[in-house]
Protein backbone atom coordinates (compact mmCIF):
# COMPACT_ATOMS: atom_id res chain seq x y z
CA MET A 1 16.89 -16.50 -4.48
CA ILE A 2 16.85 -12.81 -3.80
CA LYS A 3 13.67 -11.99 -2.29
CA PHE A 4 11.42 -9.35 -3.47
CA LEU A 5 10.41 -8.58 0.24
CA ASP A 6 11.39 -10.93 3.23
CA LEU A 7 8.44 -10.66 5.47
CA TYR A 8 9.75 -13.16 7.83
CA LYS A 9 13.13 -11.57 8.10
CA ILE A 10 11.65 -8.11 8.67
CA ASN A 11 9.09 -9.32 11.37
CA ASN A 12 11.55 -11.54 13.08
CA ARG A 13 13.54 -8.64 14.48
CA PHE A 14 10.78 -8.15 16.87
CA ARG A 15 9.90 -11.73 17.41
CA ASP A 16 10.62 -11.54 21.21
CA VAL A 17 8.55 -8.03 21.92
CA LEU A 18 5.98 -9.25 19.70
CA GLN A 19 5.48 -12.33 21.83
CA GLU A 20 5.40 -10.32 25.13
CA SER A 21 2.83 -7.82 23.55
CA PHE A 22 0.61 -10.67 22.68
CA ALA A 23 0.80 -12.09 26.08
CA ARG A 24 -0.04 -8.73 27.53
CA SER A 25 -3.08 -8.56 25.21
CA LEU A 26 -4.22 -11.97 25.82
CA ASP A 27 -4.02 -11.41 29.67
CA ASP A 28 -5.82 -7.98 29.29
CA ALA A 29 -8.49 -9.33 27.14
CA HIS A 30 -9.69 -6.26 25.69
CA PHE A 31 -9.59 -7.02 22.06
CA ILE A 32 -11.75 -4.40 20.46
CA LEU A 33 -11.10 -0.79 20.77
CA GLY A 34 -8.87 -1.21 23.90
CA ASN A 35 -6.06 0.60 25.39
CA ASN A 36 -3.43 -0.61 22.75
CA VAL A 37 -5.67 1.19 20.14
CA THR A 38 -5.73 4.28 21.80
CA THR A 39 -2.06 4.21 22.42
CA PHE A 40 -1.35 3.74 18.95
CA GLU A 41 -3.59 6.28 17.72
CA ASN A 42 -1.81 9.01 19.86
CA GLU A 43 1.40 7.84 19.03
CA PHE A 44 0.69 7.88 15.06
CA ALA A 45 -0.82 11.37 15.30
CA ASN A 46 2.25 12.51 17.21
CA TYR A 47 4.56 11.08 14.56
CA CYS A 48 2.59 12.46 11.63
CA GLY A 49 2.06 16.02 13.56
CA THR A 50 -1.67 15.79 13.53
CA LYS A 51 -4.13 16.18 16.20
CA PHE A 52 -5.92 13.06 15.62
CA CYS A 53 -5.64 9.59 14.48
CA ILE A 54 -8.45 7.17 14.29
CA GLY A 55 -7.46 3.41 13.58
CA THR A 56 -9.57 1.26 11.16
CA GLY A 57 -10.10 -1.79 9.55
CA ASN A 58 -7.81 -1.36 6.73
CA GLY A 59 -6.57 1.47 4.29
CA LEU A 60 -9.73 1.23 1.69
CA ASP A 61 -11.97 1.74 4.70
CA ALA A 62 -9.71 4.71 6.17
CA LEU A 63 -10.06 6.46 2.78
CA THR A 64 -13.96 5.71 2.61
CA LEU A 65 -14.71 6.69 6.01
CA ILE A 66 -12.87 10.24 5.38
CA LEU A 67 -15.25 10.48 2.25
CA LYS A 68 -18.12 9.34 4.18
CA GLY A 69 -17.36 11.54 6.98
CA TYR A 70 -17.67 14.56 4.89
CA VAL A 71 -20.64 13.86 3.37
CA GLU A 72 -22.22 13.30 7.05
CA LEU A 73 -20.54 16.77 7.75
CA GLY A 74 -22.60 18.14 4.57
CA LYS A 75 -19.20 18.95 3.02
CA LEU A 76 -19.71 16.59 0.12
CA LYS A 77 -23.03 15.17 -1.17
CA LYS A 78 -24.16 12.17 -3.24
CA GLY A 79 -22.78 12.49 -6.81
CA ASP A 80 -20.29 14.98 -6.30
CA ARG A 81 -16.96 14.80 -8.39
CA VAL A 82 -13.87 13.69 -6.89
CA ILE A 83 -10.30 14.05 -8.91
CA VAL A 84 -8.30 10.83 -8.70
CA PRO A 85 -5.23 9.69 -10.32
CA ALA A 86 -5.70 7.18 -12.82
CA ASN A 87 -2.61 5.67 -12.01
CA THR A 88 -3.01 4.04 -8.48
CA PHE A 89 -4.04 0.93 -6.84
CA ILE A 90 -7.73 0.27 -7.31
CA ALA A 91 -8.75 1.08 -3.77
CA THR A 92 -8.37 4.67 -4.06
CA ILE A 93 -11.04 4.68 -6.78
CA LEU A 94 -13.19 2.29 -4.98
CA SER A 95 -13.27 4.39 -1.84
CA VAL A 96 -15.28 7.17 -4.03
CA ILE A 97 -17.34 4.79 -5.27
CA HIS A 98 -18.24 3.49 -1.89
CA ALA A 99 -19.04 6.94 -0.68
CA ASP A 100 -21.67 7.42 -3.56
CA LEU A 101 -19.24 9.97 -5.24
CA VAL A 102 -18.03 10.10 -8.75
CA PRO A 103 -14.24 9.40 -9.48
CA ILE A 104 -12.80 11.71 -12.25
CA LEU A 105 -9.64 9.88 -13.50
CA VAL A 106 -6.63 12.10 -14.61
CA GLU A 107 -3.25 11.06 -16.03
CA PRO A 108 -0.04 10.92 -13.85
CA ASP A 109 3.28 12.96 -13.95
CA PRO A 110 5.49 10.79 -16.42
CA TYR A 111 8.56 10.95 -14.07
CA THR A 112 6.95 10.72 -10.51
CA TYR A 113 3.75 8.51 -11.47
CA THR A 114 1.86 10.62 -9.11
CA ILE A 115 -1.25 12.92 -10.01
CA SER A 116 -0.27 15.45 -12.57
CA VAL A 117 -0.53 19.18 -11.68
CA ASP A 118 -0.81 19.86 -15.41
CA THR A 119 -4.22 18.56 -15.80
CA ASP A 120 -6.52 20.74 -17.75
CA LYS A 121 -7.83 23.03 -15.11
CA ALA A 122 -11.55 22.75 -16.57
CA VAL A 123 -11.64 19.50 -14.66
CA PHE A 124 -11.22 21.21 -11.45
CA VAL A 125 -14.21 23.47 -12.00
CA ASP A 126 -17.15 21.17 -11.27
CA ALA A 127 -15.31 18.93 -8.83
CA LYS A 128 -15.53 19.18 -4.87
CA ALA A 129 -12.32 17.51 -3.86
CA ILE A 130 -9.02 15.75 -4.99
CA ILE A 131 -7.26 12.47 -3.73
CA MET A 132 -3.52 12.89 -4.21
CA VAL A 133 -1.68 9.35 -3.88
CA HIS A 134 1.71 9.32 -2.46
CA LEU A 135 2.22 6.61 -5.07
CA TYR A 136 5.27 3.82 -4.09
CA GLY A 137 6.23 6.09 -1.23
CA GLN A 138 6.94 9.19 -2.86
CA LEU A 139 4.93 12.42 -2.19
CA ALA A 140 2.78 13.69 -4.68
CA LYS A 141 3.32 17.64 -5.50
CA VAL A 142 2.06 18.64 -2.58
CA GLU A 143 2.46 22.52 -2.87
CA GLU A 144 0.86 22.77 -6.28
CA LEU A 145 -1.82 20.48 -5.13
CA GLN A 146 -2.72 22.61 -2.15
CA LYS A 147 -2.62 25.75 -4.58
CA LEU A 148 -5.01 23.97 -6.89
CA ALA A 149 -7.39 23.11 -4.09
CA LYS A 150 -7.15 26.52 -2.64
CA ASP A 151 -7.75 28.01 -6.09
CA PHE A 152 -11.18 26.05 -7.01
CA ASN A 153 -12.27 25.65 -3.29
CA LEU A 154 -11.71 21.88 -3.07
CA LEU A 155 -11.42 19.49 -0.16
CA LEU A 156 -7.76 17.84 -0.65
CA PHE A 157 -7.09 14.45 1.08
CA GLU A 158 -4.07 11.92 0.89
CA ASP A 159 -3.90 8.44 -0.07
CA ALA A 160 -0.79 7.83 2.10
CA ALA A 161 -1.33 3.96 2.14
CA GLN A 162 2.59 3.85 0.56
CA ALA A 163 4.27 6.82 2.13
CA HIS A 164 4.24 6.15 6.03
CA GLY A 165 7.19 8.77 7.22
CA ALA A 166 7.78 10.59 3.95
CA ILE A 167 8.65 14.36 4.60
CA SER A 168 7.86 17.24 2.52
CA ASP A 169 10.50 19.34 1.26
CA LEU A 170 8.27 22.38 1.71
CA ASN A 171 7.79 22.46 5.14
CA GLU A 172 9.09 19.54 6.68
CA ARG A 173 5.66 17.84 7.24
CA LYS A 174 5.10 14.18 7.21
CA ALA A 175 2.50 12.32 4.83
CA GLY A 176 -0.60 12.38 6.78
CA ASN A 177 -0.29 16.01 7.80
CA LEU A 178 -0.63 17.58 4.18
CA SER A 179 -4.14 17.96 3.54
CA ASP A 180 -7.49 17.97 4.98
CA ALA A 181 -7.34 14.38 5.88
CA ALA A 182 -5.18 11.40 5.30
CA ALA A 183 -5.60 7.55 4.89
CA PHE A 184 -2.93 5.07 5.75
CA SER A 185 -2.75 1.18 5.23
CA PHE A 186 -1.04 -1.01 7.52
CA TYR A 187 -0.85 -4.17 5.20
CA PRO A 188 1.61 -6.32 6.22
CA THR A 189 3.80 -5.15 3.04
CA LYS A 190 3.70 -1.62 3.95
CA ASN A 191 6.76 0.28 5.55
CA LEU A 192 4.74 0.39 8.72
CA GLY A 193 3.04 -3.18 8.47
CA ALA A 194 0.87 -5.02 10.66
CA LEU A 195 0.84 -8.80 11.19
CA GLY A 196 -2.65 -8.63 9.17
CA ASP A 197 -4.98 -5.81 8.24
CA GLY A 198 -5.14 -2.32 9.47
CA GLY A 199 -5.48 1.21 8.52
CA ALA A 200 -6.01 4.74 10.08
CA VAL A 201 -7.25 8.20 9.25
CA THR A 202 -5.04 11.34 10.38
CA THR A 203 -6.58 14.94 10.43
CA ASP A 204 -6.42 18.33 12.27
CA ASN A 205 -10.43 18.18 11.87
CA SER A 206 -12.08 17.60 15.22
CA GLU A 207 -15.28 17.33 13.60
CA LEU A 208 -14.15 14.58 11.18
CA ALA A 209 -12.45 12.72 13.92
CA ASN A 210 -15.50 12.44 16.03
CA ILE A 211 -17.66 11.27 12.94
CA ILE A 212 -15.04 8.77 11.70
CA LYS A 213 -15.04 7.42 15.25
CA LEU A 214 -18.81 6.97 15.08
CA LEU A 215 -18.72 5.47 11.47
CA ARG A 216 -16.00 2.90 12.40
CA ASN A 217 -18.10 1.31 15.06
CA TYR A 218 -21.69 1.01 13.54
CA GLY A 219 -22.34 4.64 14.14
CA SER A 220 -22.50 4.11 17.85
CA GLU A 221 -20.49 6.18 20.57
CA LYS A 222 -22.33 4.28 23.43
CA LYS A 223 -22.88 0.46 23.26
CA TYR A 224 -26.12 -0.42 21.61
CA THR A 225 -27.01 3.20 20.98
CA ASN A 226 -26.45 4.15 17.18
CA ASN A 227 -26.39 7.74 16.38
CA ILE A 228 -25.88 7.33 12.38
CA ILE A 229 -25.59 4.56 9.96
CA GLY A 230 -22.09 3.19 10.20
CA PHE A 231 -19.77 0.40 9.55
CA ASN A 232 -17.56 -2.18 11.55
CA SER A 233 -13.97 -0.95 10.52
CA ARG A 234 -12.11 -0.74 13.64
CA LEU A 235 -8.31 -1.24 13.94
CA ASP A 236 -7.71 -4.63 15.80
CA ASP A 237 -6.27 -4.06 19.28
CA MET A 238 -3.49 -6.61 19.12
CA GLN A 239 -2.31 -5.18 15.61
CA ALA A 240 -2.30 -1.80 17.25
CA ALA A 241 0.06 -2.98 20.06
CA PHE A 242 2.31 -4.68 17.36
CA LEU A 243 2.28 -1.45 15.35
CA SER A 244 3.27 0.71 18.14
CA LEU A 245 6.51 -1.57 18.73
CA LYS A 246 7.39 -1.25 14.90
CA LEU A 247 6.69 2.56 14.76
CA LYS A 248 9.93 2.80 16.74
CA CYS A 249 11.94 1.65 13.66
CA LEU A 250 10.16 3.34 11.02
CA ASP A 251 12.39 6.33 10.45
CA GLY A 252 15.41 3.90 10.52
CA ASP A 253 13.99 1.34 7.97
CA ASN A 254 12.99 4.19 5.75
CA GLU A 255 16.29 5.65 5.91
CA ARG A 256 17.78 1.76 4.87
CA ARG A 257 15.19 1.79 1.82
CA ARG A 258 16.58 5.25 0.55
CA GLU A 259 20.27 3.90 0.98
CA ILE A 260 19.35 0.87 -1.34
CA ALA A 261 17.38 3.21 -3.75
CA LYS A 262 20.86 5.46 -3.85
CA ALA A 263 22.65 2.41 -4.30
CA TYR A 264 20.50 1.12 -7.24
CA LEU A 265 20.41 4.53 -8.98
CA LYS A 266 24.13 4.92 -8.65
CA GLY A 267 25.06 1.42 -9.46
CA ILE A 268 22.43 0.40 -12.45
CA LYS A 269 23.91 1.64 -15.80
CA ASN A 270 21.84 -0.19 -18.37
CA PRO A 271 20.11 2.16 -21.04
CA LYS A 272 17.34 -0.40 -21.38
CA LEU A 273 16.10 0.22 -18.02
CA LYS A 274 14.38 3.47 -17.19
CA LEU A 275 15.33 4.22 -13.35
CA PRO A 276 12.81 6.00 -10.93
CA HIS A 277 13.04 9.99 -10.55
CA TYR A 278 14.40 10.76 -7.06
CA ASP A 279 15.84 14.00 -6.04
CA GLY A 280 17.47 12.57 -2.86
CA SER A 281 15.24 14.15 -0.26
CA MET A 282 13.45 12.44 2.27
CA ASN A 283 9.93 12.96 0.39
CA HIS A 284 10.33 9.55 -0.65
CA VAL A 285 10.38 6.08 1.51
CA PHE A 286 10.44 3.65 -1.53
CA TYR A 287 7.68 1.42 -0.67
CA ALA A 288 8.63 0.15 -4.11
CA PHE A 289 11.63 0.57 -6.30
CA VAL A 290 9.65 0.78 -9.81
CA ILE A 291 11.31 0.82 -13.01
CA GLU A 292 10.44 0.62 -16.83
CA VAL A 293 11.55 -1.70 -19.66
CA ASP A 294 10.37 -2.04 -22.89
CA ASP A 295 10.16 -5.70 -23.24
CA ARG A 296 8.55 -6.49 -19.67
CA ALA A 297 7.94 -10.22 -20.53
CA ASP A 298 11.35 -10.63 -21.79
CA PHE A 299 12.88 -8.91 -18.53
CA ILE A 300 10.76 -10.98 -16.40
CA LYS A 301 12.36 -14.13 -17.71
CA PHE A 302 15.79 -12.81 -17.23
CA LEU A 303 14.97 -12.18 -13.62
CA ASP A 304 13.32 -15.41 -13.04
CA ALA A 305 16.69 -17.03 -14.81
CA ASN A 306 18.84 -15.00 -12.39
CA SER A 307 16.85 -15.80 -9.16
CA ILE A 308 15.62 -12.19 -8.58
CA GLU A 309 12.16 -11.78 -7.51
CA TRP A 310 10.21 -8.99 -8.70
CA LEU A 311 6.31 -7.59 -8.46
CA ILE A 312 4.53 -5.30 -10.72
CA HIS A 313 2.72 -2.39 -9.28
CA TYR A 314 0.17 -2.88 -11.05
CA PRO A 315 -0.25 -4.84 -14.07
CA VAL A 316 -3.50 -3.59 -15.06
CA PRO A 317 -4.90 -0.03 -14.73
CA PRO A 318 -8.15 0.38 -12.78
CA HIS A 319 -10.14 1.78 -15.57
CA GLN A 320 -9.21 -1.52 -17.42
CA GLN A 321 -10.60 -3.60 -14.57
CA GLU A 322 -13.77 -5.50 -15.17
CA ALA A 323 -14.98 -4.14 -11.96
CA LEU A 324 -14.69 -0.59 -13.45
CA ARG A 325 -15.85 -1.35 -17.15
CA CYS A 326 -17.94 1.73 -16.80
CA PHE A 327 -14.61 3.61 -17.36
CA SER A 328 -13.78 1.63 -20.48
CA TYR A 329 -14.52 4.65 -22.53
CA VAL A 330 -11.80 7.01 -20.64
CA ASN A 331 -8.77 7.75 -23.12
CA LEU A 332 -5.80 7.45 -20.32
CA PRO A 333 -2.88 6.54 -22.91
CA LEU A 334 0.10 7.63 -20.31
CA THR A 335 -1.47 5.50 -17.86
CA GLU A 336 -1.77 2.66 -20.03
CA LYS A 337 1.72 2.84 -21.13
CA ILE A 338 2.91 2.97 -17.87
CA HIS A 339 1.10 -0.13 -16.63
CA GLN A 340 2.36 -2.11 -19.67
CA ARG A 341 6.32 -0.97 -18.82
CA ILE A 342 6.52 -0.99 -15.17
CA ILE A 343 8.17 -3.70 -12.87
CA SER A 344 9.31 -3.29 -9.14
CA LEU A 345 12.75 -4.70 -7.89
CA PRO A 346 13.79 -5.80 -4.71
CA MET A 347 13.40 -3.41 -1.76
CA SER A 348 13.39 -4.08 1.98
CA PRO A 349 15.06 -2.60 4.96
CA VAL A 350 16.73 -6.02 5.52
CA MET A 351 18.26 -6.56 2.08
CA ILE A 352 21.95 -7.05 2.78
CA ASP A 353 24.67 -5.47 0.88
CA LYS A 354 25.62 -8.53 -1.07
CA ASP A 355 22.18 -8.96 -2.61
CA ILE A 356 21.94 -5.27 -3.33
CA GLN A 357 25.16 -5.38 -5.58
CA SER A 358 24.02 -8.66 -7.01
CA VAL A 359 20.86 -7.21 -8.07
CA ILE A 360 22.75 -4.14 -9.74
CA SER A 361 25.56 -6.25 -11.14
CA THR A 362 22.98 -8.73 -12.83
CA LEU A 363 20.70 -5.91 -14.18
CA ASN A 364 23.76 -4.24 -16.00
CA THR A 365 24.11 -7.74 -18.01
CA TYR A 366 20.64 -7.45 -19.42
């Protein structure tokens, strides 16, 4: 069986240093917002090229706290409209709802699957913010979105949960440093994955950073003194220690993912399969290698019969989920078509060449 993502093998590379780090954390006994969190926040801010990084409990909370932070600062208010790509994981949309804002769903670009910049400009007139999602590890069209945000006086945010380390062609800035604020997830399957949940916000805005530090900790700066109504969403100290260790290997892991993607793109020669758009630059870190196929059910049977694991990112679009049935009236044909056709192939920095070639040769026989 060729695994879709071998988490054991990925993390086993760090076994000795993770155990040493665990022992230090156990001895330190400062498990909430300790030195490990501060150290990682500084390291990740430096990595992304931002002034601030604030660790959170998970990626959804990171994005929600950005929006809540701007509400606290008076830059957004309840009921404001936020433009969100319809083709995304549901968490992007949930963050807007949790912040008492209104998500406006727009179709994606058919080639990159990220938010389309060709959306009817009338949509932007009454909006207050845009969330660009760097889906599957590929940066959205940053320059065009920055221009739209400037032209319509909108806040611009990044959902960078799948794009740790992706670099913009425009100015060589990394994901997390391409907008007013960005949210990251460190879910174990991510390119920079913890051994549990975790997230972070990156920004250059000192006011926002200070507000989010309050919001993540019950609205408190000093113990038992609460300045604002907050949440409990703090990056675990031990996970922060693990992330500091794994951050050192992120660029190398991303480069290996790009190598695998290039091998797939060069080797898979099957007209039944639509391969992802990739220009060969560092703007993609291939969190997932997503293809399209006409008869997905038949293709899944083929993969199963040939012992190739797969995943669908994602089988049901958010607006068709029961939780978001209030959006069932929305007409999003491209998003729905994409969700019916996509499937993700094995992608991992620890994949061996033999398995890569096996996937290629097998798919060419479909």
